[in-house]
Amino acid sequence: MLKLYTDAAVKQSTQKSAAGILIVHEGHQIQLSKELVAMDNHTAEFQAAIAGFTELANLKISHDEIILFYSDSKILIDALNKQYAKHYQEYVDKLIELQSRYQAVVNEWIADNQNKGAHNLAIQKLHHL
């Protein structure tokens, strides 16, 4: 079982955004941060999730793996669980395609204070942009 945490940070004054990605697998952590192109927080949250699942593919995580995906974005998790988002469907479709590569993916919303690892990675990256 693998745990994937993602979060996004947006600085409106500079129109910069960043993703924090935390992967916990077999007792090890992988911490990543990436610049995003999003201009608003909701879009950034979807892009952060896509970046997280793209990293799993890059790491060649087994297709037999069960993925527990955590985000503090209710819109993101609700959209994934419904497989629909009025304004973000292209992102939902991409995430569904990325998630379909694994035996099972559980999408779960968590409170901000439970997502500090990914959050801190996103904030650190944003400060360097």
N, C-alpha and C. Protein backbone atom coordinates (compact mmCIF):
# COMPACT_ATOMS: atom_id res chain seq x y z
N MET A 1 0.84 -1.18 0.00
CA MET A 1 0.00 0.00 0.00
C MET A 1 0.89 1.25 0.00
N LEU A 2 0.49 2.22 -0.79
CA LEU A 2 1.24 3.46 -0.94
C LEU A 2 0.33 4.63 -0.58
N LYS A 3 0.88 5.62 0.11
CA LYS A 3 0.13 6.83 0.44
C LYS A 3 0.71 7.98 -0.37
N LEU A 4 -0.19 8.73 -1.00
CA LEU A 4 0.18 9.89 -1.80
C LEU A 4 -0.56 11.10 -1.25
N TYR A 5 0.19 12.12 -0.85
CA TYR A 5 -0.37 13.38 -0.37
C TYR A 5 0.03 14.48 -1.35
N THR A 6 -0.92 15.32 -1.75
CA THR A 6 -0.59 16.47 -2.59
C THR A 6 -1.24 17.72 -2.01
N ASP A 7 -0.62 18.84 -2.31
CA ASP A 7 -1.19 20.14 -1.94
C ASP A 7 -0.65 21.17 -2.91
N ALA A 8 -1.36 22.28 -3.01
CA ALA A 8 -0.95 23.37 -3.90
C ALA A 8 -0.90 24.67 -3.10
N ALA A 9 -0.05 25.56 -3.55
CA ALA A 9 0.04 26.90 -2.97
C ALA A 9 0.07 27.90 -4.13
N VAL A 10 -0.67 29.00 -3.97
CA VAL A 10 -0.75 30.02 -5.00
C VAL A 10 -0.47 31.37 -4.37
N LYS A 11 0.36 32.14 -5.03
CA LYS A 11 0.63 33.51 -4.59
C LYS A 11 0.05 34.44 -5.65
N GLN A 12 -1.11 35.02 -5.34
CA GLN A 12 -1.83 35.83 -6.32
C GLN A 12 -1.02 37.03 -6.81
N SER A 13 -0.24 37.64 -5.92
CA SER A 13 0.49 38.86 -6.30
C SER A 13 1.52 38.60 -7.40
N THR A 14 2.07 37.39 -7.45
CA THR A 14 3.05 37.07 -8.48
C THR A 14 2.48 36.13 -9.55
N GLN A 15 1.27 35.67 -9.33
CA GLN A 15 0.62 34.69 -10.21
C GLN A 15 1.47 33.44 -10.38
N LYS A 16 2.12 33.03 -9.31
CA LYS A 16 2.92 31.80 -9.29
C LYS A 16 2.19 30.77 -8.44
N SER A 17 2.42 29.50 -8.77
CA SER A 17 1.83 28.43 -7.99
C SER A 17 2.79 27.24 -7.96
N ALA A 18 2.63 26.43 -6.92
CA ALA A 18 3.53 25.29 -6.73
C ALA A 18 2.78 24.13 -6.11
N ALA A 19 3.32 22.94 -6.33
CA ALA A 19 2.75 21.71 -5.77
C ALA A 19 3.73 21.09 -4.80
N GLY A 20 3.18 20.53 -3.74
CA GLY A 20 3.94 19.69 -2.83
C GLY A 20 3.43 18.27 -2.95
N ILE A 21 4.34 17.33 -3.05
CA ILE A 21 3.99 15.92 -3.24
C ILE A 21 4.76 15.10 -2.21
N LEU A 22 4.03 14.33 -1.44
CA LEU A 22 4.64 13.46 -0.44
C LEU A 22 4.18 12.03 -0.72
N ILE A 23 5.13 11.14 -0.95
CA ILE A 23 4.85 9.74 -1.22
C ILE A 23 5.43 8.92 -0.07
N VAL A 24 4.59 8.09 0.53
CA VAL A 24 5.04 7.22 1.62
C VAL A 24 4.83 5.79 1.15
N HIS A 25 5.95 5.03 1.06
CA HIS A 25 5.88 3.68 0.50
C HIS A 25 6.94 2.81 1.15
N GLU A 26 6.53 1.70 1.67
CA GLU A 26 7.43 0.72 2.28
C GLU A 26 8.38 1.36 3.30
N GLY A 27 7.82 2.24 4.13
CA GLY A 27 8.60 2.85 5.19
C GLY A 27 9.49 4.00 4.76
N HIS A 28 9.44 4.39 3.51
CA HIS A 28 10.26 5.48 2.98
C HIS A 28 9.37 6.63 2.52
N GLN A 29 9.93 7.83 2.60
CA GLN A 29 9.24 9.02 2.10
C GLN A 29 9.99 9.60 0.92
N ILE A 30 9.20 10.04 -0.05
CA ILE A 30 9.75 10.79 -1.17
C ILE A 30 9.06 12.15 -1.14
N GLN A 31 9.85 13.22 -1.04
CA GLN A 31 9.32 14.57 -0.97
C GLN A 31 9.69 15.31 -2.24
N LEU A 32 8.68 15.85 -2.91
CA LEU A 32 8.90 16.56 -4.17
C LEU A 32 8.11 17.85 -4.18
N SER A 33 8.60 18.80 -4.93
CA SER A 33 7.85 20.03 -5.16
C SER A 33 8.06 20.44 -6.61
N LYS A 34 7.04 21.06 -7.16
CA LYS A 34 7.08 21.42 -8.58
C LYS A 34 6.38 22.75 -8.79
N GLU A 35 6.88 23.50 -9.75
CA GLU A 35 6.19 24.72 -10.17
C GLU A 35 4.99 24.32 -11.02
N LEU A 36 3.89 25.04 -10.84
CA LEU A 36 2.68 24.81 -11.62
C LEU A 36 2.39 26.04 -12.47
N VAL A 37 1.47 25.89 -13.41
CA VAL A 37 1.09 27.02 -14.26
C VAL A 37 -0.26 27.60 -13.87
N ALA A 38 -0.90 27.05 -12.86
CA ALA A 38 -2.23 27.48 -12.45
C ALA A 38 -2.23 28.92 -11.95
N MET A 39 -3.35 29.59 -12.17
CA MET A 39 -3.51 30.96 -11.69
C MET A 39 -4.45 31.03 -10.48
N ASP A 40 -5.17 29.96 -10.20
CA ASP A 40 -6.09 29.96 -9.06
C ASP A 40 -5.89 28.67 -8.25
N ASN A 41 -6.35 28.69 -7.02
CA ASN A 41 -6.08 27.60 -6.10
C ASN A 41 -6.73 26.28 -6.54
N HIS A 42 -7.97 26.32 -6.99
CA HIS A 42 -8.64 25.06 -7.37
C HIS A 42 -7.91 24.38 -8.53
N THR A 43 -7.56 25.15 -9.54
CA THR A 43 -6.83 24.58 -10.67
C THR A 43 -5.49 24.03 -10.20
N ALA A 44 -4.83 24.76 -9.31
CA ALA A 44 -3.54 24.31 -8.78
C ALA A 44 -3.67 22.99 -8.03
N GLU A 45 -4.75 22.82 -7.28
CA GLU A 45 -4.96 21.56 -6.55
C GLU A 45 -5.08 20.38 -7.52
N PHE A 46 -5.82 20.57 -8.61
CA PHE A 46 -5.95 19.51 -9.62
C PHE A 46 -4.59 19.23 -10.28
N GLN A 47 -3.86 20.30 -10.61
CA GLN A 47 -2.55 20.11 -11.24
C GLN A 47 -1.57 19.43 -10.29
N ALA A 48 -1.66 19.74 -9.00
CA ALA A 48 -0.79 19.08 -8.01
C ALA A 48 -1.08 17.59 -7.95
N ALA A 49 -2.36 17.23 -7.98
CA ALA A 49 -2.74 15.81 -7.95
C ALA A 49 -2.22 15.09 -9.20
N ILE A 50 -2.36 15.73 -10.35
CA ILE A 50 -1.85 15.15 -11.59
C ILE A 50 -0.33 14.97 -11.50
N ALA A 51 0.35 15.97 -10.96
CA ALA A 51 1.81 15.86 -10.80
C ALA A 51 2.16 14.70 -9.87
N GLY A 52 1.38 14.51 -8.82
CA GLY A 52 1.63 13.40 -7.90
C GLY A 52 1.48 12.05 -8.56
N PHE A 53 0.40 11.86 -9.29
CA PHE A 53 0.19 10.58 -9.96
C PHE A 53 1.17 10.38 -11.11
N THR A 54 1.59 11.45 -11.74
CA THR A 54 2.62 11.35 -12.78
C THR A 54 3.94 10.88 -12.18
N GLU A 55 4.25 11.38 -10.98
CA GLU A 55 5.47 10.92 -10.29
C GLU A 55 5.40 9.44 -9.98
N LEU A 56 4.24 8.95 -9.58
CA LEU A 56 4.10 7.51 -9.32
C LEU A 56 4.43 6.72 -10.58
N ALA A 57 3.96 7.20 -11.72
CA ALA A 57 4.27 6.53 -12.98
C ALA A 57 5.77 6.60 -13.27
N ASN A 58 6.38 7.76 -13.03
CA ASN A 58 7.82 7.93 -13.26
C ASN A 58 8.65 7.02 -12.35
N LEU A 59 8.14 6.77 -11.15
CA LEU A 59 8.84 5.90 -10.19
C LEU A 59 8.58 4.42 -10.48
N LYS A 60 7.75 4.16 -11.48
CA LYS A 60 7.41 2.80 -11.89
C LYS A 60 6.80 2.00 -10.74
N ILE A 61 5.87 2.66 -10.03
CA ILE A 61 5.13 1.99 -8.96
C ILE A 61 4.27 0.89 -9.60
N SER A 62 4.28 -0.27 -9.01
CA SER A 62 3.58 -1.43 -9.56
C SER A 62 2.09 -1.16 -9.78
N HIS A 63 1.58 -1.69 -10.86
CA HIS A 63 0.16 -1.57 -11.17
C HIS A 63 -0.70 -2.34 -10.18
N ASP A 64 -0.10 -3.27 -9.45
CA ASP A 64 -0.83 -4.04 -8.44
C ASP A 64 -0.97 -3.27 -7.13
N GLU A 65 -0.35 -2.11 -7.04
CA GLU A 65 -0.34 -1.33 -5.80
C GLU A 65 -1.71 -0.73 -5.50
N ILE A 66 -2.04 -0.66 -4.22
CA ILE A 66 -3.22 0.06 -3.76
C ILE A 66 -2.73 1.43 -3.32
N ILE A 67 -3.36 2.47 -3.85
CA ILE A 67 -2.95 3.84 -3.59
C ILE A 67 -3.99 4.51 -2.69
N LEU A 68 -3.53 5.06 -1.58
CA LEU A 68 -4.37 5.91 -0.75
C LEU A 68 -3.96 7.34 -1.06
N PHE A 69 -4.88 8.09 -1.70
CA PHE A 69 -4.60 9.45 -2.13
C PHE A 69 -5.29 10.44 -1.20
N TYR A 70 -4.50 11.36 -0.65
CA TYR A 70 -5.01 12.33 0.31
C TYR A 70 -4.81 13.76 -0.20
N SER A 71 -5.84 14.57 -0.04
CA SER A 71 -5.77 15.99 -0.38
C SER A 71 -6.66 16.76 0.58
N ASP A 72 -6.29 18.02 0.83
CA ASP A 72 -7.14 18.87 1.66
C ASP A 72 -8.08 19.72 0.82
N SER A 73 -8.19 19.39 -0.47
CA SER A 73 -9.11 20.08 -1.37
C SER A 73 -10.40 19.26 -1.50
N LYS A 74 -11.47 19.77 -0.92
CA LYS A 74 -12.76 19.06 -1.01
C LYS A 74 -13.25 19.00 -2.45
N ILE A 75 -13.05 20.08 -3.19
CA ILE A 75 -13.50 20.09 -4.59
C ILE A 75 -12.81 18.98 -5.38
N LEU A 76 -11.52 18.84 -5.19
CA LEU A 76 -10.75 17.80 -5.89
C LEU A 76 -11.25 16.40 -5.53
N ILE A 77 -11.34 16.10 -4.25
CA ILE A 77 -11.73 14.76 -3.82
C ILE A 77 -13.17 14.46 -4.22
N ASP A 78 -14.08 15.43 -4.04
CA ASP A 78 -15.47 15.22 -4.46
C ASP A 78 -15.56 14.97 -5.96
N ALA A 79 -14.81 15.73 -6.74
CA ALA A 79 -14.83 15.57 -8.20
C ALA A 79 -14.31 14.19 -8.60
N LEU A 80 -13.25 13.73 -7.96
CA LEU A 80 -12.72 12.41 -8.29
C LEU A 80 -13.71 11.31 -7.91
N ASN A 81 -14.31 11.43 -6.75
CA ASN A 81 -15.24 10.40 -6.31
C ASN A 81 -16.52 10.37 -7.15
N LYS A 82 -16.93 11.53 -7.68
CA LYS A 82 -18.10 11.60 -8.56
C LYS A 82 -17.73 11.40 -10.02
N GLN A 83 -16.42 11.51 -10.31
CA GLN A 83 -15.88 11.48 -11.66
C GLN A 83 -16.47 12.60 -12.52
N TYR A 84 -16.73 13.73 -11.87
CA TYR A 84 -17.31 14.88 -12.57
C TYR A 84 -16.96 16.17 -11.84
N ALA A 85 -16.64 17.21 -12.61
CA ALA A 85 -16.47 18.56 -12.08
C ALA A 85 -16.85 19.54 -13.18
N LYS A 86 -17.81 20.36 -12.90
CA LYS A 86 -18.35 21.28 -13.90
C LYS A 86 -17.26 22.09 -14.60
N HIS A 87 -16.33 22.67 -13.83
CA HIS A 87 -15.33 23.56 -14.42
C HIS A 87 -13.95 22.93 -14.57
N TYR A 88 -13.79 21.69 -14.09
CA TYR A 88 -12.46 21.06 -14.07
C TYR A 88 -12.46 19.67 -14.68
N GLN A 89 -13.39 19.40 -15.57
CA GLN A 89 -13.56 18.05 -16.09
C GLN A 89 -12.31 17.53 -16.80
N GLU A 90 -11.59 18.38 -17.51
CA GLU A 90 -10.38 17.91 -18.20
C GLU A 90 -9.36 17.37 -17.19
N TYR A 91 -9.28 18.01 -16.02
CA TYR A 91 -8.37 17.53 -14.98
C TYR A 91 -8.88 16.23 -14.35
N VAL A 92 -10.18 16.16 -14.14
CA VAL A 92 -10.78 14.94 -13.58
C VAL A 92 -10.52 13.77 -14.52
N ASP A 93 -10.74 13.98 -15.81
CA ASP A 93 -10.52 12.92 -16.79
C ASP A 93 -9.06 12.45 -16.79
N LYS A 94 -8.13 13.39 -16.70
CA LYS A 94 -6.71 13.03 -16.67
C LYS A 94 -6.38 12.24 -15.41
N LEU A 95 -6.92 12.66 -14.28
CA LEU A 95 -6.67 11.95 -13.03
C LEU A 95 -7.28 10.55 -13.04
N ILE A 96 -8.47 10.41 -13.59
CA ILE A 96 -9.10 9.09 -13.68
C ILE A 96 -8.23 8.17 -14.53
N GLU A 97 -7.70 8.71 -15.63
CA GLU A 97 -6.82 7.91 -16.50
C GLU A 97 -5.55 7.50 -15.74
N LEU A 98 -4.95 8.43 -15.01
CA LEU A 98 -3.75 8.11 -14.24
C LEU A 98 -4.04 7.10 -13.12
N GLN A 99 -5.17 7.26 -12.46
CA GLN A 99 -5.53 6.36 -11.37
C GLN A 99 -5.91 4.97 -11.87
N SER A 100 -6.38 4.87 -13.08
CA SER A 100 -6.82 3.58 -13.62
C SER A 100 -5.65 2.61 -13.82
N ARG A 101 -4.43 3.10 -13.70
CA ARG A 101 -3.24 2.26 -13.88
C ARG A 101 -2.98 1.37 -12.66
N TYR A 102 -3.70 1.61 -11.57
CA TYR A 102 -3.44 0.88 -10.33
C TYR A 102 -4.62 0.01 -9.95
N GLN A 103 -4.33 -1.03 -9.19
CA GLN A 103 -5.35 -1.99 -8.76
C GLN A 103 -6.52 -1.27 -8.10
N ALA A 104 -6.22 -0.35 -7.20
CA ALA A 104 -7.26 0.41 -6.52
C ALA A 104 -6.69 1.73 -6.04
N VAL A 105 -7.52 2.77 -6.09
CA VAL A 105 -7.15 4.07 -5.56
C VAL A 105 -8.30 4.53 -4.68
N VAL A 106 -7.96 4.91 -3.45
CA VAL A 106 -8.94 5.47 -2.52
C VAL A 106 -8.63 6.96 -2.40
N ASN A 107 -9.59 7.79 -2.79
CA ASN A 107 -9.44 9.24 -2.70
C ASN A 107 -10.06 9.71 -1.40
N GLU A 108 -9.28 10.40 -0.58
CA GLU A 108 -9.80 10.80 0.72
C GLU A 108 -9.42 12.24 1.05
N TRP A 109 -10.43 13.01 1.47
CA TRP A 109 -10.19 14.36 1.93
C TRP A 109 -9.64 14.31 3.34
N ILE A 110 -8.64 15.16 3.60
CA ILE A 110 -8.11 15.31 4.95
C ILE A 110 -8.04 16.80 5.28
N ALA A 111 -8.08 17.10 6.55
CA ALA A 111 -8.00 18.50 6.99
C ALA A 111 -6.60 19.05 6.71
N ASP A 112 -6.53 20.37 6.62
CA ASP A 112 -5.25 21.04 6.36
C ASP A 112 -4.15 20.58 7.32
N ASN A 113 -4.50 20.44 8.60
CA ASN A 113 -3.48 20.10 9.59
C ASN A 113 -2.99 18.66 9.47
N GLN A 114 -3.65 17.84 8.64
CA GLN A 114 -3.20 16.47 8.39
C GLN A 114 -2.38 16.37 7.10
N ASN A 115 -2.23 17.49 6.42
CA ASN A 115 -1.55 17.51 5.12
C ASN A 115 -0.34 18.44 5.15
N LYS A 116 0.26 18.58 6.31
CA LYS A 116 1.35 19.55 6.48
C LYS A 116 2.59 19.21 5.66
N GLY A 117 2.87 17.93 5.46
CA GLY A 117 4.05 17.55 4.69
C GLY A 117 3.98 18.09 3.27
N ALA A 118 2.89 17.79 2.57
CA ALA A 118 2.73 18.28 1.20
C ALA A 118 2.58 19.79 1.18
N HIS A 119 1.88 20.34 2.15
CA HIS A 119 1.67 21.79 2.22
C HIS A 119 3.01 22.52 2.35
N ASN A 120 3.85 22.07 3.27
CA ASN A 120 5.14 22.72 3.48
C ASN A 120 6.02 22.64 2.24
N LEU A 121 5.98 21.52 1.53
CA LEU A 121 6.75 21.39 0.29
C LEU A 121 6.28 22.40 -0.76
N ALA A 122 4.96 22.59 -0.87
CA ALA A 122 4.41 23.54 -1.83
C ALA A 122 4.81 24.97 -1.46
N ILE A 123 4.70 25.31 -0.18
CA ILE A 123 5.06 26.66 0.27
C ILE A 123 6.54 26.94 0.06
N GLN A 124 7.40 25.96 0.36
CA GLN A 124 8.83 26.14 0.16
C GLN A 124 9.15 26.41 -1.31
N LYS A 125 8.53 25.64 -2.19
CA LYS A 125 8.76 25.85 -3.63
C LYS A 125 8.27 27.23 -4.06
N LEU A 126 7.10 27.62 -3.57
CA LEU A 126 6.52 28.91 -3.95
C LEU A 126 7.45 30.07 -3.54
N HIS A 127 8.09 29.97 -2.41
CA HIS A 127 8.99 31.02 -1.94
C HIS A 127 10.24 31.14 -2.82
N HIS A 128 10.56 30.09 -3.57
CA HIS A 128 11.75 30.11 -4.43
C HIS A 128 11.43 30.47 -5.88
N LEU A 129 10.17 30.77 -6.13
CA LEU A 129 9.78 31.11 -7.51
C LEU A 129 9.83 32.61 -7.72
